């Protein structure tokens, strides 16, 4: 059985584990130990515990983040649940609006900074906000956590936080940033190849701009509208400056869950729409996938293996060079040679990958022989242009 015998074999052979997918930017790894000690030291043993938590929140709204972490609730989960609670809270039993001032027949999303600002208000709304947030944290088991922390020795707190609390918080932040890190590596390759793409600064800061959206019927750039547009992570232009290649980034280092199932279904719809457009216009648009991560081992048939046949080209971090080889075939770039990383590939595997994705006018190298031209590192190979 060879690496290119089928898409599944190729995907699993090149798949990256979590540590191999780069993290874009820095993830804050520290929890405010001094604030934690202050809260634990002042935590009462009597019936005033609720009042104490409420006052902690009012005195320091940023304590919301610390206490949220200790009850094991993610930032997103908390703001969604608080949005619901505030949306249903009436100022009085006869009110037709909620505590935030809008109709009870609507529900609006507010993120954590919004609720922190409410805690700073010296009015009825601020008082109710403190009550709701305190009760929310208490309902998640905050008293039990603080009781346990109270029993620890002073010098034991940092070790407890580092081993049990910080990893969960860090992992959630890193998961999202690994997806952006993979997108940046892809965009860096495109930039080094001299290709024009959108967003134009994706290779510098993959989080600095909204993903480009195009109309579902014409594939022209458009403002985002879930009903009439598709969203992509990177769009590559041809030599005439026309939108040519539409890339979806799908990086999952953990279970893709229902999102992965839904996204794979959307990918099929995008491909069908693109095929119909190409038949009408003969434009030859292509759908690419930047797909990677061991998370797809969960439910692969309804996620990654459902999508792979829909992509005209799919690349992984270890096979980024495939993008250059395909752009060469499309006449967008001129590749002189490719040198495979023979610490990763066997000769047969390198031959198979080149036979499937290379071109006759590209030199294939399976040793460390120098080659004239600009050398670009692209996964488990080097491209020369």
Foldseek 3Di string as FASTA:
>chain_A
DFCVPDPVSVFVLQFDAPVVQDFPDDDDQDDPLVLVVVLLVPQDPDPCRLVSQLVSCLVPVVCLVVLCLLLPHDQVRVQVVVQVVQLQACPDPPDQGGLVGHGNVDTDTDGSVVLSVLCPDPDPSNSVSSNVSSVVSVVSPSVVSSVVVNPDDSVCVVVCCNPPRSVVRRVVNRQVRSLLSLQLLLVVLCVVLVWQKPPRCSVPPLPPDAFWKAFLQARHTDPDDPVGIDGASMFTAAPVRHTAEGEHEAEGNAACPPVQLVVLVVLVSSLVSVVVNCVVPVRNHFYEYAYHYPNCVPVVVSGVVSRPVSGPYYAYQQRSCLVVLVCCVVVRGPWAEKEFQCVSDPPVNQVVVCVVRHDPNYHYHDDDDDDDADWDDGHRMIIGD
